[in-house]
Amino acid sequence: MRRRLAFVAAILACSVVGTYAQDTTMSFFVTSANPGKGGDLGGLAGADAYCNTLATGSGSTGKTWKAYLSTDAENAKDRIGQGPWYNAKGEKIADDVASLHGDKNNLTKQTALNEKGEVINGRGDTPNRHDILTGSKADGTAAPETCGNWTMGGAEGAAIVGHSDRTGLNDSAEAKSWNSSHPTRGGCTQEAFKGTGGDGLFYCFAAN
């Protein structure tokens, strides 16, 4: 009888552990490419849809993806759920929103991977693609430069970008910021983005 009870207890314990086991499948990535219109992402709805398309194409299922982008009406940090988030290789990026925007996140060139699990070219690589569109301040709230709330892809406007490799021209906090390094120059076209070391890429997070 005791053996039977012990066996049942062990089964129940395993069941509980399985129920609460952390999901370490991909819940964060950098887009592998821009949708094709520079800063015109179709607004937040278009950017979110693009995140979901790329995630589905990579084999991810059961998650609702949100672009880490701010607008006049919405802060990037409020769009992405509560965390934790993991990259395509199962490496933890951050536990929660606070740690993501603090000193405890694990965002580096080696961990800020695209949906295919590939490293994004950074400073020193050819071409450099480390400028990631965010339209955000370092705390994840909206900055003024958002390429017209992600509806402008022409020669006017600008967008705040972060550096996915945490590397810039100097050792300042801005140069090392993953989400708020500097504004783009020369408008919101794809060519303008390339001119400052980017390719119109952006971050995607699973919000559920």
C-alpha atoms as a PDB file:
ATOM      1  CA  MET A   1       0.000   0.000   0.000  1.00  0.00           C
ATOM      2  CA  ARG A   2       2.802   2.408   0.929  1.00  0.00           C
ATOM      3  CA  ARG A   3       4.583   1.685  -2.347  1.00  0.00           C
ATOM      4  CA  ARG A   4       1.415   2.370  -4.252  1.00  0.00           C
ATOM      5  CA  LEU A   5       0.859   5.683  -2.444  1.00  0.00           C
ATOM      6  CA  ALA A   6       4.479   6.681  -3.049  1.00  0.00           C
ATOM      7  CA  PHE A   7       4.099   5.841  -6.740  1.00  0.00           C
ATOM      8  CA  VAL A   8       0.926   7.918  -7.020  1.00  0.00           C
ATOM      9  CA  ALA A   9       2.597  10.828  -5.201  1.00  0.00           C
ATOM     10  CA  ALA A  10       5.539  10.687  -7.591  1.00  0.00           C
ATOM     11  CA  ILE A  11       3.213  10.753 -10.597  1.00  0.00           C
ATOM     12  CA  LEU A  12       1.343  13.747  -9.208  1.00  0.00           C
ATOM     13  CA  ALA A  13       4.591  15.584  -8.469  1.00  0.00           C
ATOM     14  CA  CYS A  14       5.803  15.037 -12.022  1.00  0.00           C
ATOM     15  CA  SER A  15       2.469  16.251 -13.309  1.00  0.00           C
ATOM     16  CA  VAL A  16       2.718  19.470 -11.290  1.00  0.00           C
ATOM     17  CA  VAL A  17       6.292  20.087 -12.426  1.00  0.00           C
ATOM     18  CA  GLY A  18       5.254  19.521 -16.035  1.00  0.00           C
ATOM     19  CA  THR A  19       2.339  21.907 -15.669  1.00  0.00           C
ATOM     20  CA  TYR A  20       4.503  24.726 -14.375  1.00  0.00           C
ATOM     21  CA  ALA A  21       7.630  24.048 -16.427  1.00  0.00           C
ATOM     22  CA  GLN A  22       8.926  27.212 -18.045  1.00  0.00           C
ATOM     23  CA  ASP A  23       8.302  27.556 -21.775  1.00  0.00           C
ATOM     24  CA  THR A  24      11.714  28.370 -23.241  1.00  0.00           C
ATOM     25  CA  THR A  25      10.671  28.277 -26.878  1.00  0.00           C
ATOM     26  CA  MET A  26      11.243  31.435 -28.907  1.00  0.00           C
ATOM     27  CA  SER A  27       9.380  34.449 -27.558  1.00  0.00           C
ATOM     28  CA  PHE A  28      11.699  37.195 -28.821  1.00  0.00           C
ATOM     29  CA  PHE A  29      13.467  37.932 -32.085  1.00  0.00           C
ATOM     30  CA  VAL A  30      14.763  40.664 -34.358  1.00  0.00           C
ATOM     31  CA  THR A  31      13.100  40.684 -37.756  1.00  0.00           C
ATOM     32  CA  SER A  32      15.362  39.188 -40.409  1.00  0.00           C
ATOM     33  CA  ALA A  33      14.258  41.829 -42.914  1.00  0.00           C
ATOM     34  CA  ASN A  34      12.160  44.964 -43.251  1.00  0.00           C
ATOM     35  CA  PRO A  35       8.691  44.452 -44.793  1.00  0.00           C
ATOM     36  CA  GLY A  36       9.823  46.540 -47.766  1.00  0.00           C
ATOM     37  CA  LYS A  37       8.648  50.114 -47.253  1.00  0.00           C
ATOM     38  CA  GLY A  38      11.205  51.506 -44.837  1.00  0.00           C
ATOM     39  CA  GLY A  39       9.511  53.275 -41.926  1.00  0.00           C
ATOM     40  CA  ASP A  40       6.058  52.594 -43.328  1.00  0.00           C
ATOM     41  CA  LEU A  41       5.243  49.401 -41.468  1.00  0.00           C
ATOM     42  CA  GLY A  42       1.497  49.802 -41.825  1.00  0.00           C
ATOM     43  CA  GLY A  43       1.317  51.285 -38.339  1.00  0.00           C
ATOM     44  CA  LEU A  44       1.461  49.091 -35.262  1.00  0.00           C
ATOM     45  CA  ALA A  45      -1.103  46.700 -36.702  1.00  0.00           C
ATOM     46  CA  GLY A  46       1.027  46.108 -39.780  1.00  0.00           C
ATOM     47  CA  ALA A  47       4.191  45.654 -37.706  1.00  0.00           C
ATOM     48  CA  ASP A  48       2.453  43.189 -35.377  1.00  0.00           C
ATOM     49  CA  ALA A  49       1.157  41.216 -38.344  1.00  0.00           C
ATOM     50  CA  TYR A  50       4.658  41.079 -39.800  1.00  0.00           C
ATOM     51  CA  CYS A  51       6.035  39.737 -36.501  1.00  0.00           C
ATOM     52  CA  ASN A  52       3.383  37.026 -36.516  1.00  0.00           C
ATOM     53  CA  THR A  53       4.099  36.140 -40.148  1.00  0.00           C
ATOM     54  CA  LEU A  54       7.828  35.748 -39.526  1.00  0.00           C
ATOM     55  CA  ALA A  55       7.251  33.766 -36.336  1.00  0.00           C
ATOM     56  CA  THR A  56       4.824  31.393 -38.034  1.00  0.00           C
ATOM     57  CA  GLY A  57       7.218  30.951 -40.929  1.00  0.00           C
ATOM     58  CA  SER A  58       9.940  29.919 -38.503  1.00  0.00           C
ATOM     59  CA  GLY A  59       7.692  27.231 -36.982  1.00  0.00           C
ATOM     60  CA  SER A  60       6.511  29.111 -33.899  1.00  0.00           C
ATOM     61  CA  THR A  61       2.882  28.450 -32.901  1.00  0.00           C
ATOM     62  CA  GLY A  62       0.487  29.432 -30.141  1.00  0.00           C
ATOM     63  CA  LYS A  63       1.934  32.882 -29.458  1.00  0.00           C
ATOM     64  CA  THR A  64       0.654  36.402 -30.070  1.00  0.00           C
ATOM     65  CA  TRP A  65       3.491  38.573 -31.314  1.00  0.00           C
ATOM     66  CA  LYS A  66       3.860  42.320 -30.837  1.00  0.00           C
ATOM     67  CA  ALA A  67       6.380  44.709 -32.340  1.00  0.00           C
ATOM     68  CA  TYR A  68       8.503  46.632 -29.855  1.00  0.00           C
ATOM     69  CA  LEU A  69       7.546  50.036 -31.271  1.00  0.00           C
ATOM     70  CA  SER A  70       6.186  53.197 -29.700  1.00  0.00           C
ATOM     71  CA  THR A  71       3.729  55.695 -31.165  1.00  0.00           C
ATOM     72  CA  ASP A  72       2.113  58.908 -29.969  1.00  0.00           C
ATOM     73  CA  ALA A  73      -0.622  56.804 -28.374  1.00  0.00           C
ATOM     74  CA  GLU A  74       1.243  53.723 -27.147  1.00  0.00           C
ATOM     75  CA  ASN A  75       4.512  52.843 -25.417  1.00  0.00           C
ATOM     76  CA  ALA A  76       6.578  49.926 -26.656  1.00  0.00           C
ATOM     77  CA  LYS A  77       7.067  48.583 -23.131  1.00  0.00           C
ATOM     78  CA  ASP A  78       3.285  48.300 -22.633  1.00  0.00           C
ATOM     79  CA  ARG A  79       2.762  46.177 -25.769  1.00  0.00           C
ATOM     80  CA  ILE A  80       4.928  43.136 -25.157  1.00  0.00           C
ATOM     81  CA  GLY A  81       3.403  41.248 -22.243  1.00  0.00           C
ATOM     82  CA  GLN A  82       5.070  40.393 -18.948  1.00  0.00           C
ATOM     83  CA  GLY A  83       7.896  38.001 -19.924  1.00  0.00           C
ATOM     84  CA  PRO A  84      10.076  36.091 -19.522  1.00  0.00           C
ATOM     85  CA  TRP A  85      11.345  36.081 -23.117  1.00  0.00           C
ATOM     86  CA  TYR A  86      13.697  33.682 -24.884  1.00  0.00           C
ATOM     87  CA  ASN A  87      15.459  33.814 -28.235  1.00  0.00           C
ATOM     88  CA  ALA A  88      15.402  31.161 -30.970  1.00  0.00           C
ATOM     89  CA  LYS A  89      18.110  29.167 -29.170  1.00  0.00           C
ATOM     90  CA  GLY A  90      16.277  29.121 -25.839  1.00  0.00           C
ATOM     91  CA  GLU A  91      18.527  31.736 -24.240  1.00  0.00           C
ATOM     92  CA  LYS A  92      16.733  34.012 -21.792  1.00  0.00           C
ATOM     93  CA  ILE A  93      16.621  37.672 -22.836  1.00  0.00           C
ATOM     94  CA  ALA A  94      14.892  39.070 -19.745  1.00  0.00           C
ATOM     95  CA  ASP A  95      12.599  37.975 -16.926  1.00  0.00           C
ATOM     96  CA  ASP A  96      10.139  40.852 -17.137  1.00  0.00           C
ATOM     97  CA  VAL A  97       9.572  44.376 -18.411  1.00  0.00           C
ATOM     98  CA  ALA A  98      11.595  45.954 -15.601  1.00  0.00           C
ATOM     99  CA  SER A  99      14.664  43.781 -16.139  1.00  0.00           C
ATOM    100  CA  LEU A 100      14.391  44.207 -19.917  1.00  0.00           C
ATOM    101  CA  HIS A 101      14.759  47.968 -19.462  1.00  0.00           C
ATOM    102  CA  GLY A 102      17.369  47.706 -16.704  1.00  0.00           C
ATOM    103  CA  ASP A 103      20.901  46.439 -16.338  1.00  0.00           C
ATOM    104  CA  LYS A 104      19.860  42.807 -15.907  1.00  0.00           C
ATOM    105  CA  ASN A 105      18.776  42.005 -19.466  1.00  0.00           C
ATOM    106  CA  ASN A 106      20.732  39.589 -21.648  1.00  0.00           C
ATOM    107  CA  LEU A 107      20.524  41.466 -24.931  1.00  0.00           C
ATOM    108  CA  THR A 108      23.839  41.261 -26.798  1.00  0.00           C
ATOM    109  CA  LYS A 109      24.961  40.734 -30.367  1.00  0.00           C
ATOM    110  CA  GLN A 110      25.111  37.000 -29.658  1.00  0.00           C
ATOM    111  CA  THR A 111      21.595  36.787 -28.174  1.00  0.00           C
ATOM    112  CA  ALA A 112      19.610  39.363 -30.200  1.00  0.00           C
ATOM    113  CA  LEU A 113      18.917  36.788 -32.910  1.00  0.00           C
ATOM    114  CA  ASN A 114      16.429  36.885 -35.754  1.00  0.00           C
ATOM    115  CA  GLU A 115      13.546  34.413 -36.064  1.00  0.00           C
ATOM    116  CA  LYS A 116      15.869  31.982 -37.860  1.00  0.00           C
ATOM    117  CA  GLY A 117      18.341  31.964 -34.989  1.00  0.00           C
ATOM    118  CA  GLU A 118      20.864  34.073 -36.892  1.00  0.00           C
ATOM    119  CA  VAL A 119      23.071  36.847 -35.513  1.00  0.00           C
ATOM    120  CA  ILE A 120      22.363  40.360 -36.794  1.00  0.00           C
ATOM    121  CA  ASN A 121      25.369  42.097 -38.352  1.00  0.00           C
ATOM    122  CA  GLY A 122      26.763  44.743 -36.030  1.00  0.00           C
ATOM    123  CA  ARG A 123      29.392  47.439 -35.947  1.00  0.00           C
ATOM    124  CA  GLY A 124      32.470  46.204 -37.821  1.00  0.00           C
ATOM    125  CA  ASP A 125      30.468  43.822 -40.021  1.00  0.00           C
ATOM    126  CA  THR A 126      29.584  44.469 -43.665  1.00  0.00           C
ATOM    127  CA  PRO A 127      26.907  45.630 -43.932  1.00  0.00           C
ATOM    128  CA  ASN A 128      26.212  46.933 -40.448  1.00  0.00           C
ATOM    129  CA  ARG A 129      22.527  46.304 -39.601  1.00  0.00           C
ATOM    130  CA  HIS A 130      22.518  47.012 -35.868  1.00  0.00           C
ATOM    131  CA  ASP A 131      20.166  50.039 -35.923  1.00  0.00           C
ATOM    132  CA  ILE A 132      16.831  48.601 -34.752  1.00  0.00           C
ATOM    133  CA  LEU A 133      13.669  50.697 -35.077  1.00  0.00           C
ATOM    134  CA  THR A 134      11.938  51.413 -31.754  1.00  0.00           C
ATOM    135  CA  GLY A 135      10.699  55.015 -31.634  1.00  0.00           C
ATOM    136  CA  SER A 136      11.351  54.765 -27.919  1.00  0.00           C
ATOM    137  CA  LYS A 137      13.251  56.264 -25.020  1.00  0.00           C
ATOM    138  CA  ALA A 138      15.486  54.027 -22.898  1.00  0.00           C
ATOM    139  CA  ASP A 139      12.620  53.306 -20.481  1.00  0.00           C
ATOM    140  CA  GLY A 140      10.405  52.011 -23.281  1.00  0.00           C
ATOM    141  CA  THR A 141       8.156  55.047 -23.506  1.00  0.00           C
ATOM    142  CA  ALA A 142       7.482  56.934 -26.722  1.00  0.00           C
ATOM    143  CA  ALA A 143      10.045  59.261 -28.290  1.00  0.00           C
ATOM    144  CA  PRO A 144       9.030  61.993 -30.785  1.00  0.00           C
ATOM    145  CA  GLU A 145      10.673  60.266 -33.762  1.00  0.00           C
ATOM    146  CA  THR A 146       8.532  57.372 -35.029  1.00  0.00           C
ATOM    147  CA  CYS A 147       8.376  57.833 -38.817  1.00  0.00           C
ATOM    148  CA  GLY A 148       4.856  59.207 -38.494  1.00  0.00           C
ATOM    149  CA  ASN A 149       3.747  56.436 -36.151  1.00  0.00           C
ATOM    150  CA  TRP A 150       5.212  53.892 -38.589  1.00  0.00           C
ATOM    151  CA  THR A 151       3.240  55.087 -41.602  1.00  0.00           C
ATOM    152  CA  MET A 152       5.981  57.106 -43.355  1.00  0.00           C
ATOM    153  CA  GLY A 153       8.492  55.581 -45.724  1.00  0.00           C
ATOM    154  CA  GLY A 154       9.632  58.664 -47.614  1.00  0.00           C
ATOM    155  CA  ALA A 155      12.329  61.308 -47.455  1.00  0.00           C
ATOM    156  CA  GLU A 156      10.836  63.065 -44.433  1.00  0.00           C
ATOM    157  CA  GLY A 157      10.743  62.114 -40.788  1.00  0.00           C
ATOM    158  CA  ALA A 158      13.017  60.062 -38.567  1.00  0.00           C
ATOM    159  CA  ALA A 159      12.900  57.216 -36.084  1.00  0.00           C
ATOM    160  CA  ILE A 160      14.736  56.478 -32.866  1.00  0.00           C
ATOM    161  CA  VAL A 161      16.783  53.277 -33.116  1.00  0.00           C
ATOM    162  CA  GLY A 162      18.658  51.087 -30.662  1.00  0.00           C
ATOM    163  CA  HIS A 163      21.827  49.051 -31.224  1.00  0.00           C
ATOM    164  CA  SER A 164      21.232  45.306 -31.188  1.00  0.00           C
ATOM    165  CA  ASP A 165      24.951  44.670 -30.638  1.00  0.00           C
ATOM    166  CA  ARG A 166      25.133  47.229 -27.790  1.00  0.00           C
ATOM    167  CA  THR A 167      28.033  48.930 -29.593  1.00  0.00           C
ATOM    168  CA  GLY A 168      28.418  52.430 -31.025  1.00  0.00           C
ATOM    169  CA  LEU A 169      30.923  55.177 -31.704  1.00  0.00           C
ATOM    170  CA  ASN A 170      31.816  55.585 -28.014  1.00  0.00           C
ATOM    171  CA  ASP A 171      31.165  54.150 -24.555  1.00  0.00           C
ATOM    172  CA  SER A 172      28.130  56.304 -23.764  1.00  0.00           C
ATOM    173  CA  ALA A 173      24.915  54.788 -22.455  1.00  0.00           C
ATOM    174  CA  GLU A 174      23.177  55.791 -25.692  1.00  0.00           C
ATOM    175  CA  ALA A 175      25.747  54.042 -27.877  1.00  0.00           C
ATOM    176  CA  LYS A 176      25.309  50.865 -25.845  1.00  0.00           C
ATOM    177  CA  SER A 177      21.519  51.056 -25.680  1.00  0.00           C
ATOM    178  CA  TRP A 178      19.527  48.268 -27.307  1.00  0.00           C
ATOM    179  CA  ASN A 179      16.430  50.460 -27.706  1.00  0.00           C
ATOM    180  CA  SER A 180      17.342  54.163 -27.719  1.00  0.00           C
ATOM    181  CA  SER A 181      20.649  55.164 -29.312  1.00  0.00           C
ATOM    182  CA  HIS A 182      19.946  57.927 -31.856  1.00  0.00           C
ATOM    183  CA  PRO A 183      17.508  59.110 -34.535  1.00  0.00           C
ATOM    184  CA  THR A 184      17.883  58.048 -38.144  1.00  0.00           C
ATOM    185  CA  ARG A 185      19.026  60.625 -40.686  1.00  0.00           C
ATOM    186  CA  GLY A 186      17.765  61.474 -44.159  1.00  0.00           C
ATOM    187  CA  GLY A 187      14.160  60.399 -43.766  1.00  0.00           C
ATOM    188  CA  CYS A 188      12.371  57.103 -43.294  1.00  0.00           C
ATOM    189  CA  THR A 189      13.361  55.328 -46.504  1.00  0.00           C
ATOM    190  CA  GLN A 190      15.130  52.003 -46.502  1.00  0.00           C
ATOM    191  CA  GLU A 191      18.203  53.673 -47.995  1.00  0.00           C
ATOM    192  CA  ALA A 192      18.212  56.283 -45.225  1.00  0.00           C
ATOM    193  CA  PHE A 193      18.185  53.529 -42.623  1.00  0.00           C
ATOM    194  CA  LYS A 194      21.111  51.809 -44.302  1.00  0.00           C
ATOM    195  CA  GLY A 195      23.028  55.066 -44.288  1.00  0.00           C
ATOM    196  CA  THR A 196      23.208  55.123 -40.480  1.00  0.00           C
ATOM    197  CA  GLY A 197      23.974  51.436 -39.974  1.00  0.00           C
ATOM    198  CA  GLY A 198      20.577  49.807 -40.149  1.00  0.00           C
ATOM    199  CA  ASP A 199      18.181  47.933 -42.387  1.00  0.00           C
ATOM    200  CA  GLY A 200      14.764  48.844 -41.022  1.00  0.00           C
ATOM    201  CA  LEU A 201      14.656  45.871 -38.650  1.00  0.00           C
ATOM    202  CA  PHE A 202      12.649  45.824 -35.407  1.00  0.00           C
ATOM    203  CA  TYR A 203      12.171  43.693 -32.300  1.00  0.00           C
ATOM    204  CA  CYS A 204       9.269  41.262 -31.868  1.00  0.00           C
ATOM    205  CA  PHE A 205       8.092  39.892 -28.503  1.00  0.00           C
ATOM    206  CA  ALA A 206       5.507  37.253 -27.634  1.00  0.00           C
ATOM    207  CA  ALA A 207       2.914  39.001 -25.477  1.00  0.00           C
ATOM    208  CA  ASN A 208       1.332  35.811 -24.098  1.00  0.00           C
END
